[in-house]
């Protein structure tokens, strides 16, 4: 009897201790809620004081958001992981900004693509995401002010550059306002319950390429069908017998498919970089990247590229990426897309770019924007 009584007393003590902890959590939740409302009120006041007649896009400041996120990471001592802290603060800022109306963000759709995931990672869920059928449509909707910003893929760490995005900047007045780096995990999905029933796989060519080795090893005889997007592949897997798809796990939820095998990408660090495009340039955030387009006019002349890059080397500016594309002006004429570390408004970089511009037949700053925060 004594032992049973002691057990009951122990249970009662644990129940009481748990009740006290839960009471403390309730109190903390109430304070968090009050602080969130206070923050939202201050964010609204900032917007009203700056733009009484403005729209939400007029209040959006990517450089300010980047500063807030970096400070949150610097403060973080756990137990929450850095990526969780980033996600929470991103959603807080997204909700505060959307109090009057949400930002309209166009992206390369359809729903369930990695580009949609990049939109939500960068802007949070309190936006109106507009799925469009092509990169060209994304640019057009932002140019026409039907969307505030657009998100398009620019390069993958395994498969390289999305050339059409680069080419679109040759004719578009839009600027690069930000970048997103998204770890890409590919999932094999379908309505079947076994790999043995898979006769064909539909997916975007980039995704098929990023899973090439896994497919050769595990499904060497299956037909591979390139389609316009991973979401299109998931739709076909839903509607067609014996058809599977490779896509992100979100697509499985959207199209009601079963994940057959998770994370089949060949490289564990498989990452895609996306660009945020908009209609204006923004101020420095402190940790930035500048993208430019430049041509010397005679790219077949000896030392033409060296002459363009020399001012950057002279001012000790790091070029992190360079791509060449046909200019469209005449055959065998090329332009160069460069990414450099730092913001175009910084004095040292501004001086180097001014010197480069004097040597170029074509020069344009595509954007100066906060570097992706991981």
Protein backbone atom coordinates (compact mmCIF):
# COMPACT_ATOMS: atom_id res chain seq x y z
CA UNK A 1 0.00 0.00 0.00
CA UNK A 2 2.81 2.40 0.87
CA UNK A 3 4.45 1.79 -2.51
CA UNK A 4 1.15 2.42 -4.33
CA UNK A 5 0.63 5.62 -2.37
CA UNK A 6 4.13 6.83 -3.20
CA UNK A 7 3.50 6.12 -6.89
CA UNK A 8 0.28 8.15 -6.79
CA UNK A 9 2.10 11.00 -5.03
CA UNK A 10 4.82 10.93 -7.70
CA UNK A 11 2.26 11.08 -10.48
CA UNK A 12 0.45 13.94 -8.75
CA UNK A 13 3.73 15.88 -8.42
CA UNK A 14 4.56 15.36 -12.10
CA UNK A 15 1.06 16.41 -13.11
CA UNK A 16 1.32 19.56 -11.03
CA UNK A 17 4.79 20.34 -12.38
CA UNK A 18 3.52 19.86 -15.94
CA UNK A 19 0.55 22.13 -15.21
CA UNK A 20 2.90 24.86 -13.95
CA UNK A 21 5.09 24.57 -17.08
CA UNK A 22 2.03 24.76 -19.32
CA UNK A 23 0.82 27.79 -17.41
CA UNK A 24 4.18 29.48 -18.01
CA UNK A 25 3.98 28.59 -21.72
CA UNK A 26 0.51 30.14 -21.88
CA UNK A 27 1.88 33.32 -20.32
CA UNK A 28 4.78 33.43 -22.78
CA UNK A 29 2.37 32.85 -25.69
CA UNK A 30 0.28 35.80 -24.52
CA UNK A 31 3.35 38.05 -24.38
CA UNK A 32 4.52 36.86 -27.81
CA UNK A 33 1.05 37.61 -29.20
CA UNK A 34 1.06 41.09 -27.69
CA UNK A 35 4.54 41.78 -29.08
CA UNK A 36 3.51 40.55 -32.54
CA UNK A 37 0.56 42.94 -32.55
CA UNK A 38 2.82 45.76 -31.35
CA UNK A 39 5.30 45.00 -34.14
CA UNK A 40 2.51 44.91 -36.71
CA UNK A 41 1.27 48.29 -35.49
CA UNK A 42 4.73 49.83 -35.80
CA UNK A 43 5.18 48.33 -39.27
CA UNK A 44 1.86 49.86 -40.31
CA UNK A 45 2.89 53.25 -38.89
CA UNK A 46 6.16 53.16 -40.83
CA UNK A 47 4.26 52.53 -44.03
CA UNK A 48 1.71 55.25 -43.41
CA UNK A 49 4.36 57.82 -42.50
CA UNK A 50 6.25 57.20 -45.72
CA UNK A 51 3.50 56.61 -48.28
CA UNK A 52 0.00 57.75 -47.38
CA UNK A 53 -1.25 56.84 -50.84
CA UNK A 54 1.23 54.06 -51.52
CA UNK A 55 0.72 50.38 -52.16
CA UNK A 56 2.33 47.50 -50.29
CA UNK A 57 5.11 47.31 -52.89
CA UNK A 58 6.10 50.86 -51.94
CA UNK A 59 6.75 49.74 -48.36
CA UNK A 60 8.77 46.64 -49.20
CA UNK A 61 12.48 47.02 -48.49
CA UNK A 62 14.55 43.88 -49.18
CA UNK A 63 17.68 45.46 -47.72
CA UNK A 64 15.86 46.11 -44.43
CA UNK A 65 14.49 42.55 -44.30
CA UNK A 66 17.97 41.16 -44.94
CA UNK A 67 19.34 43.18 -42.01
CA UNK A 68 16.56 41.89 -39.71
CA UNK A 69 17.22 38.27 -40.70
CA UNK A 70 20.97 38.55 -40.25
CA UNK A 71 20.52 40.04 -36.78
CA UNK A 72 18.13 37.22 -35.89
CA UNK A 73 20.80 34.69 -36.85
CA UNK A 74 23.45 36.53 -34.83
CA UNK A 75 21.20 36.45 -31.75
CA UNK A 76 20.24 32.83 -32.08
CA UNK A 77 21.76 30.62 -29.39
CA UNK A 78 19.30 27.72 -29.78
CA UNK A 79 17.62 25.40 -29.17
CA UNK A 80 15.80 26.43 -32.38
CA UNK A 81 17.91 25.90 -35.50
CA UNK A 82 18.96 28.84 -37.67
CA UNK A 83 16.67 27.80 -40.52
CA UNK A 84 13.71 27.71 -38.14
CA UNK A 85 14.52 31.18 -36.84
CA UNK A 86 14.79 32.48 -40.42
CA UNK A 87 11.46 30.96 -41.36
CA UNK A 88 9.68 32.38 -38.30
CA UNK A 89 11.01 35.91 -38.77
CA UNK A 90 10.32 35.78 -42.50
CA UNK A 91 6.68 34.91 -41.81
CA UNK A 92 6.37 37.67 -39.19
CA UNK A 93 7.66 40.27 -41.64
CA UNK A 94 5.47 38.86 -44.41
CA UNK A 95 2.32 39.11 -42.27
CA UNK A 96 3.18 42.62 -41.05
CA UNK A 97 3.74 43.85 -44.60
CA UNK A 98 0.48 42.36 -45.87
CA UNK A 99 -1.82 44.18 -43.43
CA UNK A 100 -3.34 46.39 -46.13
CA UNK A 101 -2.90 44.12 -49.14
CA UNK A 102 -0.51 41.27 -49.96
CA UNK A 103 2.37 41.61 -52.37
CA UNK A 104 1.64 40.07 -55.76
CA UNK A 105 4.53 37.81 -56.77
CA UNK A 106 4.58 36.12 -60.19
CA UNK A 107 6.53 32.90 -60.57
CA UNK A 108 7.26 30.16 -63.06
CA UNK A 109 4.43 27.73 -62.36
CA UNK A 110 2.32 25.78 -62.15
CA UNK A 111 1.57 25.24 -58.47
CA UNK A 112 3.85 22.75 -56.78
CA UNK A 113 7.10 23.75 -58.51
CA UNK A 114 10.40 24.55 -56.82
CA UNK A 115 9.99 28.15 -57.97
CA UNK A 116 6.84 28.40 -55.85
CA UNK A 117 8.85 27.08 -52.90
CA UNK A 118 11.44 29.81 -53.58
CA UNK A 119 8.67 32.46 -53.52
CA UNK A 120 7.50 31.30 -50.10
CA UNK A 121 11.03 31.03 -48.73
CA UNK A 122 11.85 34.61 -49.77
CA UNK A 123 8.53 36.43 -49.25
CA UNK A 124 6.70 34.24 -46.72
CA UNK A 125 3.16 32.92 -47.07
CA UNK A 126 1.37 36.27 -46.74
CA UNK A 127 1.73 37.04 -50.44
CA UNK A 128 -0.47 36.44 -53.43
CA UNK A 129 1.55 34.03 -55.54
CA UNK A 130 0.69 34.09 -59.26
CA UNK A 131 1.62 30.92 -61.17
CA UNK A 132 2.50 31.60 -64.82
CA UNK A 133 3.33 29.30 -67.70
CA UNK A 134 6.69 30.74 -68.78
CA UNK A 135 9.62 32.91 -67.72
CA UNK A 136 8.60 35.39 -70.40
CA UNK A 137 5.15 35.78 -68.82
CA UNK A 138 6.71 36.40 -65.40
CA UNK A 139 8.79 39.25 -66.83
CA UNK A 140 5.83 40.66 -68.74
CA UNK A 141 3.50 40.72 -65.71
CA UNK A 142 6.07 42.57 -63.59
CA UNK A 143 6.88 45.00 -66.41
CA UNK A 144 3.17 45.77 -66.79
CA UNK A 145 2.80 46.24 -62.98
CA UNK A 146 0.26 43.42 -62.81
CA UNK A 147 2.67 41.81 -60.35
CA UNK A 148 4.92 43.57 -57.85
CA UNK A 149 7.81 41.12 -58.19
CA UNK A 150 8.68 37.97 -60.07
CA UNK A 151 10.74 34.90 -59.18
CA UNK A 152 12.57 32.93 -61.87
CA UNK A 153 15.29 30.24 -61.82
CA UNK A 154 18.77 31.32 -62.92
CA UNK A 155 21.15 28.40 -62.24
CA UNK A 156 21.51 24.97 -60.67
CA UNK A 157 24.67 23.81 -58.93
CA UNK A 158 24.69 20.56 -60.93
CA UNK A 159 23.24 21.49 -64.32
CA UNK A 160 24.32 25.12 -64.78
CA UNK A 161 22.58 28.22 -66.11
CA UNK A 162 18.98 28.76 -67.18
CA UNK A 163 19.88 30.62 -70.36
CA UNK A 164 16.39 31.90 -71.14
CA UNK A 165 16.34 33.91 -67.92
CA UNK A 166 19.65 35.55 -68.86
CA UNK A 167 18.43 36.28 -72.39
CA UNK A 168 15.28 37.94 -71.10
CA UNK A 169 17.37 40.64 -69.41
CA UNK A 170 18.67 41.75 -72.82
CA UNK A 171 15.27 43.23 -73.67
CA UNK A 172 13.69 43.82 -70.26
CA UNK A 173 13.96 47.01 -68.17
CA UNK A 174 13.49 45.03 -64.94
CA UNK A 175 16.08 44.89 -62.18
CA UNK A 176 17.26 42.07 -59.93
CA UNK A 177 16.01 42.82 -56.40
CA UNK A 178 17.05 39.68 -54.59
CA UNK A 179 18.15 36.07 -54.82
CA UNK A 180 17.04 32.81 -53.24
CA UNK A 181 19.09 29.64 -52.84
CA UNK A 182 16.94 26.55 -52.43
CA UNK A 183 18.24 23.07 -51.63
CA UNK A 184 16.59 20.80 -54.17
CA UNK A 185 15.37 17.38 -53.05
CA UNK A 186 13.75 15.21 -55.71
CA UNK A 187 11.04 12.68 -54.88
CA UNK A 188 9.82 9.86 -57.08
CA UNK A 189 6.02 9.77 -56.82
CA UNK A 190 2.99 8.17 -58.39
CA UNK A 191 -0.31 6.37 -57.79
CA UNK A 192 1.31 2.92 -57.74
CA UNK A 193 2.63 1.17 -54.63
CA UNK A 194 5.80 -0.35 -56.08
CA UNK A 195 8.71 0.65 -58.31
CA UNK A 196 8.03 -2.50 -60.37
CA UNK A 197 4.84 -0.90 -61.71
CA UNK A 198 6.59 2.22 -63.03
CA UNK A 199 6.78 2.17 -66.84
CA UNK A 200 7.52 5.84 -67.50
CA UNK A 201 8.68 8.88 -65.54
CA UNK A 202 7.68 12.44 -66.43
CA UNK A 203 9.69 15.39 -65.19
CA UNK A 204 11.44 18.58 -66.21
CA UNK A 205 14.68 17.89 -68.14
CA UNK A 206 16.75 19.53 -65.38
CA UNK A 207 15.27 17.21 -62.75
CA UNK A 208 15.83 14.15 -64.91
CA UNK A 209 19.45 15.22 -65.35
CA UNK A 210 19.92 15.81 -61.62
CA UNK A 211 18.74 12.24 -60.90
CA UNK A 212 20.52 10.61 -63.86
CA UNK A 213 22.73 8.21 -61.87
CA UNK A 214 19.95 7.07 -59.52
CA UNK A 215 17.64 6.36 -62.46
CA UNK A 216 20.32 4.35 -64.29
CA UNK A 217 20.94 2.24 -61.20
CA UNK A 218 17.37 1.62 -60.02
CA UNK A 219 15.12 2.06 -63.10
CA UNK A 220 17.34 1.56 -66.14
CA UNK A 221 14.57 0.33 -68.46
CA UNK A 222 11.91 2.92 -67.61
CA UNK A 223 10.96 5.48 -70.27
CA UNK A 224 12.01 9.05 -69.31
CA UNK A 225 9.63 11.72 -70.62
CA UNK A 226 10.74 15.39 -70.45
CA UNK A 227 7.87 17.81 -69.73
CA UNK A 228 7.55 21.57 -69.26
CA UNK A 229 7.60 21.47 -65.44
CA UNK A 230 7.75 19.05 -62.53
CA UNK A 231 4.16 19.99 -61.70
CA UNK A 232 3.13 18.93 -65.20
CA UNK A 233 4.90 15.63 -64.59
CA UNK A 234 3.00 15.20 -61.32
CA UNK A 235 -0.31 15.95 -63.07
CA UNK A 236 0.42 13.26 -65.67
CA UNK A 237 1.39 10.82 -62.91
CA UNK A 238 -2.00 11.48 -61.32
CA UNK A 239 -3.93 11.03 -64.58
CA UNK A 240 -1.97 8.34 -66.46
CA UNK A 241 -1.65 4.66 -65.56
CA UNK A 242 1.88 3.34 -64.82
CA UNK A 243 3.31 6.88 -64.93
CA UNK A 244 5.43 8.31 -62.13
CA UNK A 245 6.94 11.76 -61.68
CA UNK A 246 10.02 13.38 -60.20
CA UNK A 247 9.19 16.54 -58.27
CA UNK A 248 9.36 18.23 -54.88
CA UNK A 249 7.37 16.75 -52.01
CA UNK A 250 4.87 19.63 -52.24
CA UNK A 251 3.76 18.32 -55.63
CA UNK A 252 2.84 14.97 -54.04
CA UNK A 253 0.49 16.82 -51.68
CA UNK A 254 -0.99 19.04 -54.39
CA UNK A 255 -1.66 16.18 -56.84
CA UNK A 256 -2.50 13.43 -54.35
CA UNK A 257 0.44 11.14 -55.14
CA UNK A 258 2.37 8.65 -53.04
CA UNK A 259 6.08 9.24 -52.52
CA UNK A 260 7.78 6.04 -53.69
CA UNK A 261 11.39 7.06 -52.98
CA UNK A 262 12.60 10.24 -51.27
CA UNK A 263 15.64 12.36 -52.15
CA UNK A 264 16.85 10.61 -55.30
CA UNK A 265 19.04 13.50 -56.49
CA UNK A 266 22.60 12.44 -57.34
CA UNK A 267 24.31 15.22 -55.36
CA UNK A 268 23.41 15.87 -51.70
CA UNK A 269 24.27 19.58 -52.12
CA UNK A 270 22.01 20.03 -55.15
CA UNK A 271 20.91 23.69 -55.03
CA UNK A 272 19.04 26.01 -57.38
CA UNK A 273 19.46 29.77 -57.33
CA UNK A 274 16.47 31.97 -58.15
CA UNK A 275 16.30 35.69 -58.91
CA UNK A 276 13.71 38.14 -57.65
CA UNK A 277 12.94 40.71 -60.37
CA UNK A 278 11.23 44.07 -59.90
CA UNK A 279 10.95 47.56 -61.29
CA UNK A 280 13.51 49.45 -59.19
CA UNK A 281 16.87 49.26 -57.45
CA UNK A 282 17.30 49.21 -53.68
CA UNK A 283 19.84 50.52 -51.17
CA UNK A 284 22.72 48.43 -49.74
CA UNK A 285 22.04 45.91 -46.98
CA UNK A 286 25.68 45.45 -46.02
CA UNK A 287 26.17 42.00 -47.57
CA UNK A 288 25.26 42.36 -51.22
CA UNK A 289 25.83 41.21 -54.76
CA UNK A 290 25.76 43.26 -57.98
CA UNK A 291 24.87 41.84 -61.39
CA UNK A 292 25.82 43.64 -64.60
CA UNK A 293 25.61 43.05 -68.33
CA UNK A 294 28.50 44.30 -70.45
CA UNK A 295 30.01 44.03 -73.91
CA UNK A 296 33.19 45.40 -75.45
CA UNK A 297 31.68 45.60 -78.89
CA UNK A 298 34.37 43.42 -80.49
CA UNK A 299 34.40 40.24 -78.44
CA UNK A 300 36.57 38.47 -81.03
CA UNK A 301 39.42 40.98 -80.59
CA UNK A 302 42.45 39.80 -78.56
CA UNK A 303 42.20 40.87 -74.92
CA UNK A 304 38.60 42.14 -75.22
CA UNK A 305 37.38 40.38 -72.10
CA UNK A 306 40.56 41.21 -70.18
CA UNK A 307 40.07 44.90 -70.98
CA UNK A 308 36.54 44.77 -69.56
CA UNK A 309 37.56 42.95 -66.39
CA UNK A 310 40.70 44.95 -65.68
CA UNK A 311 38.97 47.78 -63.72
CA UNK A 312 37.41 45.18 -61.41
CA UNK A 313 40.78 43.55 -60.77
CA UNK A 314 42.41 46.94 -60.24
CA UNK A 315 39.92 47.80 -57.49
CA UNK A 316 40.17 44.29 -55.99
CA UNK A 317 36.54 43.40 -56.69
CA UNK A 318 35.72 39.71 -56.71
CA UNK A 319 33.85 38.38 -59.75
CA UNK A 320 31.81 35.40 -58.56
CA UNK A 321 30.21 34.44 -61.87
CA UNK A 322 30.55 35.17 -65.57
CA UNK A 323 28.41 33.93 -68.47
CA UNK A 324 28.45 34.79 -72.16
CA UNK A 325 25.35 34.89 -74.35
CA UNK A 326 24.68 35.88 -77.97
CA UNK A 327 23.87 39.59 -78.09
CA UNK A 328 21.15 39.27 -80.73
CA UNK A 329 22.66 42.24 -82.58
CA UNK A 330 24.68 40.28 -85.13
CA UNK A 331 26.12 36.81 -85.52
CA UNK A 332 29.02 35.76 -83.29
CA UNK A 333 28.60 38.86 -81.14
CA UNK A 334 28.36 38.20 -77.41
CA UNK A 335 27.53 39.96 -74.16
CA UNK A 336 28.79 39.02 -70.70
CA UNK A 337 26.73 38.66 -67.53
CA UNK A 338 28.82 39.24 -64.39
CA UNK A 339 28.09 38.84 -60.69
CA UNK A 340 30.41 40.69 -58.32
CA UNK A 341 30.61 40.92 -54.55
CA UNK A 342 29.31 44.15 -53.02
CA UNK A 343 26.72 46.81 -53.88
CA UNK A 344 26.97 49.08 -56.92
CA UNK A 345 26.44 52.12 -54.68
CA UNK A 346 29.57 51.44 -52.59
CA UNK A 347 32.23 54.03 -53.55
CA UNK A 348 34.93 51.52 -54.49
CA UNK A 349 32.57 49.49 -56.65
CA UNK A 350 30.94 52.57 -58.18
CA UNK A 351 34.38 53.82 -59.22
CA UNK A 352 35.30 50.50 -60.81
CA UNK A 353 31.99 50.26 -62.67
CA UNK A 354 32.37 53.82 -63.97
CA UNK A 355 35.78 52.88 -65.39
CA UNK A 356 34.38 49.69 -66.90
CA UNK A 357 31.48 51.57 -68.47
CA UNK A 358 33.89 53.84 -70.37
CA UNK A 359 35.43 50.77 -72.02
CA UNK A 360 32.14 49.08 -72.90
CA UNK A 361 29.84 49.44 -75.86
CA UNK A 362 27.02 48.02 -73.73
CA UNK A 363 26.80 48.43 -69.96
CA UNK A 364 23.91 48.07 -67.53
CA UNK A 365 23.58 47.35 -63.83
CA UNK A 366 20.92 44.65 -63.69
CA UNK A 367 20.65 44.82 -59.94
CA UNK A 368 22.38 45.29 -56.60
CA UNK A 369 20.69 43.20 -53.94
CA UNK A 370 21.17 41.29 -50.65
CA UNK A 371 22.97 37.98 -50.99
CA UNK A 372 20.90 34.92 -50.22
CA UNK A 373 20.64 34.18 -46.49
CA UNK A 374 20.87 30.48 -45.61
